[in-house]
């Protein structure tokens, strides 16, 4: 099959279909090379047409808390007192730079996620 740029949704679907056919091709074969090139073209098209939004920082914290089996009270000292933790997790107050640094260390959440802006809830 001739490899060409993915310029439309139809090209994209055809590329996905072809990749499915040759996905298990051996490396260093004609089909293996085609699969590698197609996957790069598909990834590029998806990045341009289906960008993934950065996660809400507070949702990222809550997900990580669940993964690590951490309770709200476990964040006391990282985010401040008990009421401050509640205000942050309920989006009443914003994260500070110091909080972001601590969360990055303790919960291993990238600061690039934590610095994203989010809507505060109405008081």
PDB file of N, CA and C in Angstrom:
ATOM      1  N   UNK A   1       0.845  -1.181   0.000  1.00  0.00           N
ATOM      2  CA  UNK A   1       0.000   0.000   0.000  1.00  0.00           C
ATOM      3  C   UNK A   1       0.889   1.243   0.000  1.00  0.00           C
ATOM      4  N   UNK A   2       0.449   2.238  -0.712  1.00  0.00           N
ATOM      5  CA  UNK A   2       1.176   3.505  -0.769  1.00  0.00           C
ATOM      6  C   UNK A   2       0.846   4.319   0.483  1.00  0.00           C
ATOM      7  N   UNK A   3       1.875   4.824   1.161  1.00  0.00           N
ATOM      8  CA  UNK A   3       1.663   5.646   2.349  1.00  0.00           C
ATOM      9  C   UNK A   3       1.608   7.099   1.921  1.00  0.00           C
ATOM     10  N   UNK A   4       0.556   7.781   2.407  1.00  0.00           N
ATOM     11  CA  UNK A   4       0.422   9.196   2.081  1.00  0.00           C
ATOM     12  C   UNK A   4      -0.057   9.945   3.320  1.00  0.00           C
ATOM     13  N   UNK A   5       0.098  11.257   3.335  1.00  0.00           N
ATOM     14  CA  UNK A   5      -0.322  12.037   4.511  1.00  0.00           C
ATOM     15  C   UNK A   5      -1.810  11.847   4.811  1.00  0.00           C
ATOM     16  N   UNK A   6      -2.154  11.989   6.080  1.00  0.00           N
ATOM     17  CA  UNK A   6      -3.550  11.911   6.509  1.00  0.00           C
ATOM     18  C   UNK A   6      -4.085  13.337   6.522  1.00  0.00           C
ATOM     19  N   UNK A   7      -4.988  13.609   5.581  1.00  0.00           N
ATOM     20  CA  UNK A   7      -5.511  14.970   5.424  1.00  0.00           C
ATOM     21  C   UNK A   7      -6.985  15.104   5.753  1.00  0.00           C
ATOM     22  N   UNK A   8      -7.671  13.983   5.911  1.00  0.00           N
ATOM     23  CA  UNK A   8      -9.114  14.045   6.171  1.00  0.00           C
ATOM     24  C   UNK A   8      -9.506  12.929   7.128  1.00  0.00           C
ATOM     25  N   UNK A   9     -10.737  13.012   7.592  1.00  0.00           N
ATOM     26  CA  UNK A   9     -11.267  11.979   8.481  1.00  0.00           C
ATOM     27  C   UNK A   9     -11.304  10.624   7.772  1.00  0.00           C
ATOM     28  N   UNK A  10     -11.602  10.634   6.484  1.00  0.00           N
ATOM     29  CA  UNK A  10     -11.610   9.395   5.701  1.00  0.00           C
ATOM     30  C   UNK A  10     -10.204   8.804   5.621  1.00  0.00           C
ATOM     31  N   UNK A  11      -9.205   9.643   5.335  1.00  0.00           N
ATOM     32  CA  UNK A  11      -7.813   9.172   5.323  1.00  0.00           C
ATOM     33  C   UNK A  11      -7.447   8.569   6.670  1.00  0.00           C
ATOM     34  N   UNK A  12      -7.881   9.231   7.731  1.00  0.00           N
ATOM     35  CA  UNK A  12      -7.594   8.778   9.094  1.00  0.00           C
ATOM     36  C   UNK A  12      -8.203   7.394   9.344  1.00  0.00           C
ATOM     37  N   UNK A  13      -9.483   7.235   9.013  1.00  0.00           N
ATOM     38  CA  UNK A  13     -10.146   5.931   9.212  1.00  0.00           C
ATOM     39  C   UNK A  13      -9.489   4.841   8.375  1.00  0.00           C
ATOM     40  N   UNK A  14      -9.115   5.173   7.151  1.00  0.00           N
ATOM     41  CA  UNK A  14      -8.432   4.195   6.291  1.00  0.00           C
ATOM     42  C   UNK A  14      -7.070   3.804   6.873  1.00  0.00           C
ATOM     43  N   UNK A  15      -6.361   4.785   7.407  1.00  0.00           N
ATOM     44  CA  UNK A  15      -5.056   4.504   8.009  1.00  0.00           C
ATOM     45  C   UNK A  15      -5.215   3.604   9.232  1.00  0.00           C
ATOM     46  N   UNK A  16      -6.224   3.876  10.054  1.00  0.00           N
ATOM     47  CA  UNK A  16      -6.483   3.023  11.221  1.00  0.00           C
ATOM     48  C   UNK A  16      -6.812   1.596  10.795  1.00  0.00           C
ATOM     49  N   UNK A  17      -7.602   1.492   9.773  1.00  0.00           N
ATOM     50  CA  UNK A  17      -8.003   0.178   9.262  1.00  0.00           C
ATOM     51  C   UNK A  17      -6.784  -0.600   8.751  1.00  0.00           C
ATOM     52  N   UNK A  18      -5.951   0.077   7.988  1.00  0.00           N
ATOM     53  CA  UNK A  18      -4.742  -0.568   7.453  1.00  0.00           C
ATOM     54  C   UNK A  18      -3.799  -0.949   8.591  1.00  0.00           C
ATOM     55  N   UNK A  19      -3.648  -0.071   9.579  1.00  0.00           N
ATOM     56  CA  UNK A  19      -2.766  -0.383  10.696  1.00  0.00           C
ATOM     57  C   UNK A  19      -3.251  -1.614  11.447  1.00  0.00           C
ATOM     58  N   UNK A  20      -4.571  -1.747  11.581  1.00  0.00           N
ATOM     59  CA  UNK A  20      -5.133  -2.928  12.224  1.00  0.00           C
ATOM     60  C   UNK A  20      -4.719  -4.204  11.486  1.00  0.00           C
ATOM     61  N   UNK A  21      -4.725  -4.142  10.158  1.00  0.00           N
ATOM     62  CA  UNK A  21      -4.367  -5.304   9.336  1.00  0.00           C
ATOM     63  C   UNK A  21      -2.911  -5.716   9.517  1.00  0.00           C
ATOM     64  N   UNK A  22      -2.030  -4.733   9.645  1.00  0.00           N
ATOM     65  CA  UNK A  22      -0.587  -5.038   9.647  1.00  0.00           C
ATOM     66  C   UNK A  22       0.073  -4.828  11.006  1.00  0.00           C
ATOM     67  N   UNK A  23      -0.734  -4.648  12.037  1.00  0.00           N
ATOM     68  CA  UNK A  23      -0.219  -4.303  13.362  1.00  0.00           C
ATOM     69  C   UNK A  23       0.827  -5.286  13.879  1.00  0.00           C
ATOM     70  N   UNK A  24       0.633  -6.561  13.646  1.00  0.00           N
ATOM     71  CA  UNK A  24       1.544  -7.581  14.170  1.00  0.00           C
ATOM     72  C   UNK A  24       2.665  -7.945  13.207  1.00  0.00           C
ATOM     73  N   UNK A  25       2.880  -7.129  12.188  1.00  0.00           N
ATOM     74  CA  UNK A  25       3.944  -7.408  11.219  1.00  0.00           C
ATOM     75  C   UNK A  25       5.306  -7.391  11.913  1.00  0.00           C
ATOM     76  N   UNK A  26       6.192  -8.239  11.447  1.00  0.00           N
ATOM     77  CA  UNK A  26       7.539  -8.322  12.013  1.00  0.00           C
ATOM     78  C   UNK A  26       8.311  -7.033  11.741  1.00  0.00           C
ATOM     79  N   UNK A  27       9.173  -6.682  12.690  1.00  0.00           N
ATOM     80  CA  UNK A  27      10.033  -5.510  12.550  1.00  0.00           C
ATOM     81  C   UNK A  27      10.995  -5.747  11.385  1.00  0.00           C
ATOM     82  N   UNK A  28      11.396  -4.678  10.742  1.00  0.00           N
ATOM     83  CA  UNK A  28      12.336  -4.729   9.614  1.00  0.00           C
ATOM     84  C   UNK A  28      11.803  -5.509   8.412  1.00  0.00           C
ATOM     85  N   UNK A  29      10.482  -5.471   8.251  1.00  0.00           N
ATOM     86  CA  UNK A  29       9.866  -5.996   7.040  1.00  0.00           C
ATOM     87  C   UNK A  29       9.148  -4.822   6.386  1.00  0.00           C
ATOM     88  N   UNK A  30       8.731  -5.014   5.149  1.00  0.00           N
ATOM     89  CA  UNK A  30       8.016  -3.946   4.446  1.00  0.00           C
ATOM     90  C   UNK A  30       6.763  -3.539   5.218  1.00  0.00           C
ATOM     91  N   UNK A  31       5.988  -4.523   5.679  1.00  0.00           N
ATOM     92  CA  UNK A  31       4.765  -4.228   6.426  1.00  0.00           C
ATOM     93  C   UNK A  31       5.080  -3.667   7.810  1.00  0.00           C
ATOM     94  N   UNK A  32       6.161  -4.124   8.418  1.00  0.00           N
ATOM     95  CA  UNK A  32       6.578  -3.598   9.716  1.00  0.00           C
ATOM     96  C   UNK A  32       6.938  -2.122   9.621  1.00  0.00           C
ATOM     97  N   UNK A  33       7.672  -1.767   8.561  1.00  0.00           N
ATOM     98  CA  UNK A  33       8.016  -0.362   8.332  1.00  0.00           C
ATOM     99  C   UNK A  33       6.762   0.467   8.066  1.00  0.00           C
ATOM    100  N   UNK A  34       5.844  -0.098   7.284  1.00  0.00           N
ATOM    101  CA  UNK A  34       4.590   0.598   6.978  1.00  0.00           C
ATOM    102  C   UNK A  34       3.799   0.847   8.261  1.00  0.00           C
ATOM    103  N   UNK A  35       3.739  -0.155   9.137  1.00  0.00           N
ATOM    104  CA  UNK A  35       3.010  -0.009  10.401  1.00  0.00           C
ATOM    105  C   UNK A  35       3.629   1.093  11.258  1.00  0.00           C
ATOM    106  N   UNK A  36       4.939   1.158  11.293  1.00  0.00           N
ATOM    107  CA  UNK A  36       5.626   2.175  12.084  1.00  0.00           C
ATOM    108  C   UNK A  36       5.329   3.584  11.555  1.00  0.00           C
ATOM    109  N   UNK A  37       5.400   3.737  10.243  1.00  0.00           N
ATOM    110  CA  UNK A  37       5.133   5.043   9.628  1.00  0.00           C
ATOM    111  C   UNK A  37       3.665   5.429   9.804  1.00  0.00           C
ATOM    112  N   UNK A  38       2.767   4.474   9.584  1.00  0.00           N
ATOM    113  CA  UNK A  38       1.336   4.757   9.760  1.00  0.00           C
ATOM    114  C   UNK A  38       1.024   5.181  11.184  1.00  0.00           C
ATOM    115  N   UNK A  39       1.626   4.520  12.158  1.00  0.00           N
ATOM    116  CA  UNK A  39       1.337   4.872  13.552  1.00  0.00           C
ATOM    117  C   UNK A  39       1.791   6.298  13.855  1.00  0.00           C
ATOM    118  N   UNK A  40       2.896   6.737  13.270  1.00  0.00           N
ATOM    119  CA  UNK A  40       3.355   8.115  13.451  1.00  0.00           C
ATOM    120  C   UNK A  40       2.406   9.110  12.787  1.00  0.00           C
ATOM    121  N   UNK A  41       1.947   8.784  11.583  1.00  0.00           N
ATOM    122  CA  UNK A  41       1.002   9.655  10.887  1.00  0.00           C
ATOM    123  C   UNK A  41      -0.319   9.751  11.649  1.00  0.00           C
ATOM    124  N   UNK A  42      -0.781   8.626  12.162  1.00  0.00           N
ATOM    125  CA  UNK A  42      -2.033   8.594  12.926  1.00  0.00           C
ATOM    126  C   UNK A  42      -1.888   9.413  14.203  1.00  0.00           C
ATOM    127  N   UNK A  43      -0.789   9.225  14.909  1.00  0.00           N
ATOM    128  CA  UNK A  43      -0.551   9.971  16.147  1.00  0.00           C
ATOM    129  C   UNK A  43      -0.541  11.480  15.870  1.00  0.00           C
ATOM    130  N   UNK A  44       0.125  11.879  14.800  1.00  0.00           N
ATOM    131  CA  UNK A  44       0.194  13.296  14.438  1.00  0.00           C
ATOM    132  C   UNK A  44      -1.202  13.846  14.143  1.00  0.00           C
ATOM    133  N   UNK A  45      -1.989  13.103  13.374  1.00  0.00           N
ATOM    134  CA  UNK A  45      -3.353  13.531  13.051  1.00  0.00           C
ATOM    135  C   UNK A  45      -4.196  13.652  14.324  1.00  0.00           C
ATOM    136  N   UNK A  46      -4.094  12.658  15.205  1.00  0.00           N
ATOM    137  CA  UNK A  46      -4.873  12.683  16.449  1.00  0.00           C
ATOM    138  C   UNK A  46      -4.468  13.856  17.335  1.00  0.00           C
ATOM    139  N   UNK A  47      -3.191  14.147  17.413  1.00  0.00           N
ATOM    140  CA  UNK A  47      -2.734  15.277  18.230  1.00  0.00           C
ATOM    141  C   UNK A  47      -3.286  16.593  17.702  1.00  0.00           C
ATOM    142  N   UNK A  48      -3.392  16.710  16.385  1.00  0.00           N
ATOM    143  CA  UNK A  48      -3.911  17.932  15.780  1.00  0.00           C
ATOM    144  C   UNK A  48      -5.433  18.040  15.866  1.00  0.00           C
ATOM    145  N   UNK A  49      -6.130  16.925  15.707  1.00  0.00           N
ATOM    146  CA  UNK A  49      -7.587  16.949  15.598  1.00  0.00           C
ATOM    147  C   UNK A  49      -8.339  16.503  16.857  1.00  0.00           C
ATOM    148  N   UNK A  50      -7.673  15.784  17.738  1.00  0.00           N
ATOM    149  CA  UNK A  50      -8.313  15.302  18.963  1.00  0.00           C
ATOM    150  C   UNK A  50      -7.418  15.573  20.167  1.00  0.00           C
ATOM    151  N   UNK A  51      -7.080  16.858  20.394  1.00  0.00           N
ATOM    152  CA  UNK A  51      -6.184  17.144  21.519  1.00  0.00           C
ATOM    153  C   UNK A  51      -6.823  16.767  22.849  1.00  0.00           C
ATOM    154  N   UNK A  52      -5.998  16.325  23.763  1.00  0.00           N
ATOM    155  CA  UNK A  52      -6.475  15.950  25.088  1.00  0.00           C
ATOM    156  C   UNK A  52      -6.327  17.169  25.992  1.00  0.00           C
ATOM    157  N   UNK A  53      -7.428  17.557  26.589  1.00  0.00           N
ATOM    158  CA  UNK A  53      -7.418  18.708  27.490  1.00  0.00           C
ATOM    159  C   UNK A  53      -6.621  18.368  28.746  1.00  0.00           C
ATOM    160  N   UNK A  54      -5.924  19.352  29.263  1.00  0.00           N
ATOM    161  CA  UNK A  54      -5.205  19.160  30.514  1.00  0.00           C
ATOM    162  C   UNK A  54      -6.224  18.908  31.620  1.00  0.00           C
ATOM    163  N   UNK A  55      -5.922  17.983  32.515  1.00  0.00           N
ATOM    164  CA  UNK A  55      -6.890  17.690  33.572  1.00  0.00           C
ATOM    165  C   UNK A  55      -7.025  18.854  34.554  1.00  0.00           C
ATOM    166  N   UNK A  56      -8.175  18.957  35.138  1.00  0.00           N
ATOM    167  CA  UNK A  56      -8.427  19.918  36.200  1.00  0.00           C
ATOM    168  C   UNK A  56      -7.515  19.533  37.370  1.00  0.00           C
ATOM    169  N   UNK A  57      -6.745  20.473  37.914  1.00  0.00           N
ATOM    170  CA  UNK A  57      -5.809  20.144  38.992  1.00  0.00           C
ATOM    171  C   UNK A  57      -6.473  19.496  40.213  1.00  0.00           C
ATOM    172  N   UNK A  58      -7.634  19.980  40.588  1.00  0.00           N
ATOM    173  CA  UNK A  58      -8.307  19.429  41.769  1.00  0.00           C
ATOM    174  C   UNK A  58      -8.794  18.005  41.493  1.00  0.00           C
ATOM    175  N   UNK A  59      -9.304  17.776  40.288  1.00  0.00           N
ATOM    176  CA  UNK A  59      -9.707  16.411  39.924  1.00  0.00           C
ATOM    177  C   UNK A  59      -8.494  15.491  39.903  1.00  0.00           C
ATOM    178  N   UNK A  60      -7.356  15.985  39.417  1.00  0.00           N
ATOM    179  CA  UNK A  60      -6.124  15.187  39.393  1.00  0.00           C
ATOM    180  C   UNK A  60      -5.707  14.817  40.818  1.00  0.00           C
ATOM    181  N   UNK A  61      -5.837  15.764  41.740  1.00  0.00           N
ATOM    182  CA  UNK A  61      -5.505  15.482  43.145  1.00  0.00           C
ATOM    183  C   UNK A  61      -6.433  14.411  43.691  1.00  0.00           C
ATOM    184  N   UNK A  62      -7.731  14.544  43.426  1.00  0.00           N
ATOM    185  CA  UNK A  62      -8.705  13.573  43.942  1.00  0.00           C
ATOM    186  C   UNK A  62      -8.465  12.182  43.373  1.00  0.00           C
ATOM    187  N   UNK A  63      -8.148  12.106  42.097  1.00  0.00           N
ATOM    188  CA  UNK A  63      -7.865  10.806  41.470  1.00  0.00           C
ATOM    189  C   UNK A  63      -6.630  10.182  42.112  1.00  0.00           C
ATOM    190  N   UNK A  64      -5.597  11.001  42.292  1.00  0.00           N
ATOM    191  CA  UNK A  64      -4.355  10.492  42.897  1.00  0.00           C
ATOM    192  C   UNK A  64      -4.587  10.070  44.343  1.00  0.00           C
ATOM    193  N   UNK A  65      -5.418  10.810  45.071  1.00  0.00           N
ATOM    194  CA  UNK A  65      -5.749  10.431  46.447  1.00  0.00           C
ATOM    195  C   UNK A  65      -6.402   9.048  46.469  1.00  0.00           C
ATOM    196  N   UNK A  66      -7.307   8.838  45.527  1.00  0.00           N
ATOM    197  CA  UNK A  66      -7.990   7.543  45.452  1.00  0.00           C
ATOM    198  C   UNK A  66      -6.994   6.427  45.119  1.00  0.00           C
ATOM    199  N   UNK A  67      -6.111   6.693  44.167  1.00  0.00           N
ATOM    200  CA  UNK A  67      -5.109   5.692  43.777  1.00  0.00           C
ATOM    201  C   UNK A  67      -4.202   5.308  44.943  1.00  0.00           C
ATOM    202  N   UNK A  68      -3.842   6.307  45.751  1.00  0.00           N
ATOM    203  CA  UNK A  68      -2.926   6.071  46.873  1.00  0.00           C
ATOM    204  C   UNK A  68      -3.657   5.774  48.181  1.00  0.00           C
ATOM    205  N   UNK A  69      -4.986   5.716  48.110  1.00  0.00           N
ATOM    206  CA  UNK A  69      -5.815   5.473  49.293  1.00  0.00           C
ATOM    207  C   UNK A  69      -5.537   6.517  50.382  1.00  0.00           C
ATOM    208  N   UNK A  70      -5.499   7.767  49.959  1.00  0.00           N
ATOM    209  CA  UNK A  70      -5.255   8.891  50.864  1.00  0.00           C
ATOM    210  C   UNK A  70      -6.585   9.572  51.147  1.00  0.00           C
ATOM    211  N   UNK A  71      -6.786   9.922  52.420  1.00  0.00           N
ATOM    212  CA  UNK A  71      -8.009  10.616  52.814  1.00  0.00           C
ATOM    213  C   UNK A  71      -7.754  12.115  52.858  1.00  0.00           C
ATOM    214  N   UNK A  72      -8.825  12.861  52.910  1.00  0.00           N
ATOM    215  CA  UNK A  72      -8.725  14.321  52.948  1.00  0.00           C
ATOM    216  C   UNK A  72      -7.856  14.768  54.127  1.00  0.00           C
ATOM    217  N   UNK A  73      -8.029  14.128  55.289  1.00  0.00           N
ATOM    218  CA  UNK A  73      -7.261  14.531  56.472  1.00  0.00           C
ATOM    219  C   UNK A  73      -5.769  14.273  56.312  1.00  0.00           C
ATOM    220  N   UNK A  74      -5.388  13.389  55.379  1.00  0.00           N
ATOM    221  CA  UNK A  74      -3.970  13.125  55.132  1.00  0.00           C
ATOM    222  C   UNK A  74      -3.284  14.299  54.440  1.00  0.00           C
ATOM    223  N   UNK A  75      -4.063  15.210  53.886  1.00  0.00           N
ATOM    224  CA  UNK A  75      -3.501  16.381  53.218  1.00  0.00           C
ATOM    225  C   UNK A  75      -3.299  17.561  54.173  1.00  0.00           C
ATOM    226  N   UNK A  76      -3.751  17.410  55.416  1.00  0.00           N
ATOM    227  CA  UNK A  76      -3.506  18.442  56.422  1.00  0.00           C
ATOM    228  C   UNK A  76      -1.990  18.505  56.607  1.00  0.00           C
ATOM    229  N   UNK A  77      -1.460  19.707  56.562  1.00  0.00           N
ATOM    230  CA  UNK A  77      -0.007  19.868  56.655  1.00  0.00           C
ATOM    231  C   UNK A  77       0.611  20.084  55.285  1.00  0.00           C
ATOM    232  N   UNK A  78       0.016  19.467  54.266  1.00  0.00           N
ATOM    233  CA  UNK A  78       0.491  19.673  52.889  1.00  0.00           C
ATOM    234  C   UNK A  78      -0.194  20.920  52.333  1.00  0.00           C
ATOM    235  N   UNK A  79      -1.504  21.003  52.544  1.00  0.00           N
ATOM    236  CA  UNK A  79      -2.279  22.136  52.029  1.00  0.00           C
ATOM    237  C   UNK A  79      -2.605  23.158  53.109  1.00  0.00           C
ATOM    238  N   UNK A  80      -2.312  22.830  54.345  1.00  0.00           N
ATOM    239  CA  UNK A  80      -2.649  23.721  55.460  1.00  0.00           C
ATOM    240  C   UNK A  80      -3.510  22.959  56.446  1.00  0.00           C
ATOM    241  N   UNK A  81      -4.332  23.698  57.178  1.00  0.00           N
ATOM    242  CA  UNK A  81      -5.211  23.071  58.162  1.00  0.00           C
ATOM    243  C   UNK A  81      -6.383  22.354  57.513  1.00  0.00           C
ATOM    244  N   UNK A  82      -7.180  21.723  58.361  1.00  0.00           N
ATOM    245  CA  UNK A  82      -8.326  20.932  57.903  1.00  0.00           C
ATOM    246  C   UNK A  82      -9.293  21.760  57.049  1.00  0.00           C
ATOM    247  N   UNK A  83      -9.585  22.985  57.482  1.00  0.00           N
ATOM    248  CA  UNK A  83     -10.530  23.806  56.715  1.00  0.00           C
ATOM    249  C   UNK A  83      -9.925  24.234  55.375  1.00  0.00           C
ATOM    250  N   UNK A  84      -8.635  24.486  55.336  1.00  0.00           N
ATOM    251  CA  UNK A  84      -7.986  24.878  54.072  1.00  0.00           C
ATOM    252  C   UNK A  84      -8.022  23.710  53.080  1.00  0.00           C
ATOM    253  N   UNK A  85      -7.777  22.497  53.546  1.00  0.00           N
ATOM    254  CA  UNK A  85      -7.848  21.313  52.681  1.00  0.00           C
ATOM    255  C   UNK A  85      -9.243  21.216  52.074  1.00  0.00           C
ATOM    256  N   UNK A  86     -10.262  21.401  52.904  1.00  0.00           N
ATOM    257  CA  UNK A  86     -11.640  21.347  52.429  1.00  0.00           C
ATOM    258  C   UNK A  86     -11.913  22.438  51.393  1.00  0.00           C
ATOM    259  N   UNK A  87     -11.442  23.648  51.659  1.00  0.00           N
ATOM    260  CA  UNK A  87     -11.645  24.758  50.725  1.00  0.00           C
ATOM    261  C   UNK A  87     -10.985  24.480  49.372  1.00  0.00           C
ATOM    262  N   UNK A  88      -9.785  23.920  49.407  1.00  0.00           N
ATOM    263  CA  UNK A  88      -9.067  23.609  48.163  1.00  0.00           C
ATOM    264  C   UNK A  88      -9.812  22.518  47.392  1.00  0.00           C
ATOM    265  N   UNK A  89     -10.138  21.412  48.066  1.00  0.00           N
ATOM    266  CA  UNK A  89     -10.775  20.280  47.380  1.00  0.00           C
ATOM    267  C   UNK A  89     -12.189  20.600  46.902  1.00  0.00           C
ATOM    268  N   UNK A  90     -12.818  21.612  47.510  1.00  0.00           N
ATOM    269  CA  UNK A  90     -14.146  22.036  47.072  1.00  0.00           C
ATOM    270  C   UNK A  90     -14.089  23.262  46.166  1.00  0.00           C
ATOM    271  N   UNK A  91     -12.879  23.599  45.740  1.00  0.00           N
ATOM    272  CA  UNK A  91     -12.628  24.697  44.796  1.00  0.00           C
ATOM    273  C   UNK A  91     -13.132  26.044  45.315  1.00  0.00           C
ATOM    274  N   UNK A  92     -12.994  26.254  46.604  1.00  0.00           N
ATOM    275  CA  UNK A  92     -13.342  27.552  47.197  1.00  0.00           C
ATOM    276  C   UNK A  92     -12.105  28.460  47.216  1.00  0.00           C
ATOM    277  N   UNK A  93     -10.925  27.844  47.271  1.00  0.00           N
ATOM    278  CA  UNK A  93      -9.653  28.571  47.286  1.00  0.00           C
ATOM    279  C   UNK A  93      -8.731  27.943  46.247  1.00  0.00           C
ATOM    280  N   UNK A  94      -7.782  28.737  45.769  1.00  0.00           N
ATOM    281  CA  UNK A  94      -6.812  28.257  44.771  1.00  0.00           C
ATOM    282  C   UNK A  94      -5.574  27.669  45.446  1.00  0.00           C
ATOM    283  N   UNK A  95      -4.922  26.796  44.706  1.00  0.00           N
ATOM    284  CA  UNK A  95      -3.636  26.256  45.158  1.00  0.00           C
ATOM    285  C   UNK A  95      -2.589  27.364  45.120  1.00  0.00           C
ATOM    286  N   UNK A  96      -1.700  27.369  46.098  1.00  0.00           N
ATOM    287  CA  UNK A  96      -0.585  28.311  46.088  1.00  0.00           C
ATOM    288  C   UNK A  96       0.642  27.607  45.528  1.00  0.00           C
ATOM    289  N   UNK A  97       1.670  28.358  45.235  1.00  0.00           N
ATOM    290  CA  UNK A  97       2.911  27.784  44.717  1.00  0.00           C
ATOM    291  C   UNK A  97       3.481  26.771  45.715  1.00  0.00           C
ATOM    292  N   UNK A  98       3.459  27.120  47.000  1.00  0.00           N
ATOM    293  CA  UNK A  98       3.979  26.198  48.017  1.00  0.00           C
ATOM    294  C   UNK A  98       3.168  24.903  48.068  1.00  0.00           C
ATOM    295  N   UNK A  99       1.849  25.016  47.952  1.00  0.00           N
ATOM    296  CA  UNK A  99       0.996  23.824  47.943  1.00  0.00           C
ATOM    297  C   UNK A  99       1.335  22.946  46.737  1.00  0.00           C
ATOM    298  N   UNK A 100       1.510  23.579  45.576  1.00  0.00           N
ATOM    299  CA  UNK A 100       1.834  22.836  44.357  1.00  0.00           C
ATOM    300  C   UNK A 100       3.148  22.083  44.527  1.00  0.00           C
ATOM    301  N   UNK A 101       4.143  22.743  45.121  1.00  0.00           N
ATOM    302  CA  UNK A 101       5.438  22.081  45.362  1.00  0.00           C
ATOM    303  C   UNK A 101       5.277  20.857  46.256  1.00  0.00           C
ATOM    304  N   UNK A 102       4.501  21.012  47.324  1.00  0.00           N
ATOM    305  CA  UNK A 102       4.292  19.904  48.265  1.00  0.00           C
ATOM    306  C   UNK A 102       3.515  18.760  47.615  1.00  0.00           C
ATOM    307  N   UNK A 103       2.467  19.101  46.877  1.00  0.00           N
ATOM    308  CA  UNK A 103       1.675  18.064  46.209  1.00  0.00           C
ATOM    309  C   UNK A 103       2.506  17.316  45.174  1.00  0.00           C
ATOM    310  N   UNK A 104       3.362  18.043  44.479  1.00  0.00           N
ATOM    311  CA  UNK A 104       4.225  17.403  43.484  1.00  0.00           C
ATOM    312  C   UNK A 104       5.115  16.367  44.163  1.00  0.00           C
ATOM    313  N   UNK A 105       5.660  16.713  45.320  1.00  0.00           N
ATOM    314  CA  UNK A 105       6.530  15.779  46.056  1.00  0.00           C
ATOM    315  C   UNK A 105       5.750  14.632  46.672  1.00  0.00           C
ATOM    316  N   UNK A 106       4.689  14.961  47.398  1.00  0.00           N
ATOM    317  CA  UNK A 106       3.978  13.953  48.196  1.00  0.00           C
ATOM    318  C   UNK A 106       3.086  13.038  47.357  1.00  0.00           C
ATOM    319  N   UNK A 107       2.390  13.625  46.362  1.00  0.00           N
ATOM    320  CA  UNK A 107       1.458  12.824  45.562  1.00  0.00           C
ATOM    321  C   UNK A 107       2.028  12.453  44.193  1.00  0.00           C
ATOM    322  N   UNK A 108       3.205  12.996  43.886  1.00  0.00           N
ATOM    323  CA  UNK A 108       3.863  12.749  42.604  1.00  0.00           C
ATOM    324  C   UNK A 108       2.960  13.109  41.425  1.00  0.00           C
ATOM    325  N   UNK A 109       2.366  14.298  41.545  1.00  0.00           N
ATOM    326  CA  UNK A 109       1.576  14.861  40.450  1.00  0.00           C
ATOM    327  C   UNK A 109       2.427  15.957  39.838  1.00  0.00           C
ATOM    328  N   UNK A 110       2.569  15.942  38.542  1.00  0.00           N
ATOM    329  CA  UNK A 110       3.382  16.937  37.860  1.00  0.00           C
ATOM    330  C   UNK A 110       2.878  18.350  38.137  1.00  0.00           C
ATOM    331  N   UNK A 111       3.813  19.250  38.410  1.00  0.00           N
ATOM    332  CA  UNK A 111       3.447  20.651  38.633  1.00  0.00           C
ATOM    333  C   UNK A 111       2.751  21.225  37.403  1.00  0.00           C
ATOM    334  N   UNK A 112       3.096  20.717  36.220  1.00  0.00           N
ATOM    335  CA  UNK A 112       2.460  21.219  34.998  1.00  0.00           C
ATOM    336  C   UNK A 112       0.957  20.941  34.994  1.00  0.00           C
ATOM    337  N   UNK A 113       0.524  19.907  35.699  1.00  0.00           N
ATOM    338  CA  UNK A 113      -0.908  19.627  35.841  1.00  0.00           C
ATOM    339  C   UNK A 113      -1.508  20.534  36.909  1.00  0.00           C
ATOM    340  N   UNK A 114      -0.781  20.683  37.999  1.00  0.00           N
ATOM    341  CA  UNK A 114      -1.299  21.434  39.144  1.00  0.00           C
ATOM    342  C   UNK A 114      -1.413  22.933  38.897  1.00  0.00           C
ATOM    343  N   UNK A 115      -0.614  23.471  37.969  1.00  0.00           N
ATOM    344  CA  UNK A 115      -0.660  24.910  37.732  1.00  0.00           C
ATOM    345  C   UNK A 115      -1.777  25.326  36.777  1.00  0.00           C
ATOM    346  N   UNK A 116      -2.438  24.351  36.152  1.00  0.00           N
ATOM    347  CA  UNK A 116      -3.536  24.689  35.243  1.00  0.00           C
ATOM    348  C   UNK A 116      -4.628  25.434  35.994  1.00  0.00           C
ATOM    349  N   UNK A 117      -5.228  26.374  35.297  1.00  0.00           N
ATOM    350  CA  UNK A 117      -6.293  27.168  35.894  1.00  0.00           C
ATOM    351  C   UNK A 117      -7.560  26.327  36.020  1.00  0.00           C
ATOM    352  N   UNK A 118      -8.371  26.639  36.999  1.00  0.00           N
ATOM    353  CA  UNK A 118      -9.656  25.952  37.170  1.00  0.00           C
ATOM    354  C   UNK A 118     -10.662  26.942  37.740  1.00  0.00           C
ATOM    355  N   UNK A 119     -11.903  26.638  37.502  1.00  0.00           N
ATOM    356  CA  UNK A 119     -12.999  27.505  37.930  1.00  0.00           C
ATOM    357  C   UNK A 119     -13.271  27.287  39.414  1.00  0.00           C
ATOM    358  N   UNK A 120     -13.262  28.375  40.171  1.00  0.00           N
ATOM    359  CA  UNK A 120     -13.653  28.266  41.581  1.00  0.00           C
ATOM    360  C   UNK A 120     -15.170  28.118  41.640  1.00  0.00           C
ATOM    361  N   UNK A 121     -15.630  27.357  42.620  1.00  0.00           N
ATOM    362  CA  UNK A 121     -17.084  27.206  42.763  1.00  0.00           C
ATOM    363  C   UNK A 121     -17.627  28.423  43.492  1.00  0.00           C
ATOM    364  N   UNK A 122     -18.888  28.675  43.294  1.00  0.00           N
ATOM    365  CA  UNK A 122     -19.536  29.822  43.929  1.00  0.00           C
ATOM    366  C   UNK A 122     -19.579  29.604  45.440  1.00  0.00           C
ATOM    367  N   UNK A 123     -19.404  30.667  46.178  1.00  0.00           N
ATOM    368  CA  UNK A 123     -19.356  30.533  47.647  1.00  0.00           C
ATOM    369  C   UNK A 123     -20.710  30.409  48.264  1.00  0.00           C
TER     370      UNK A 123
END
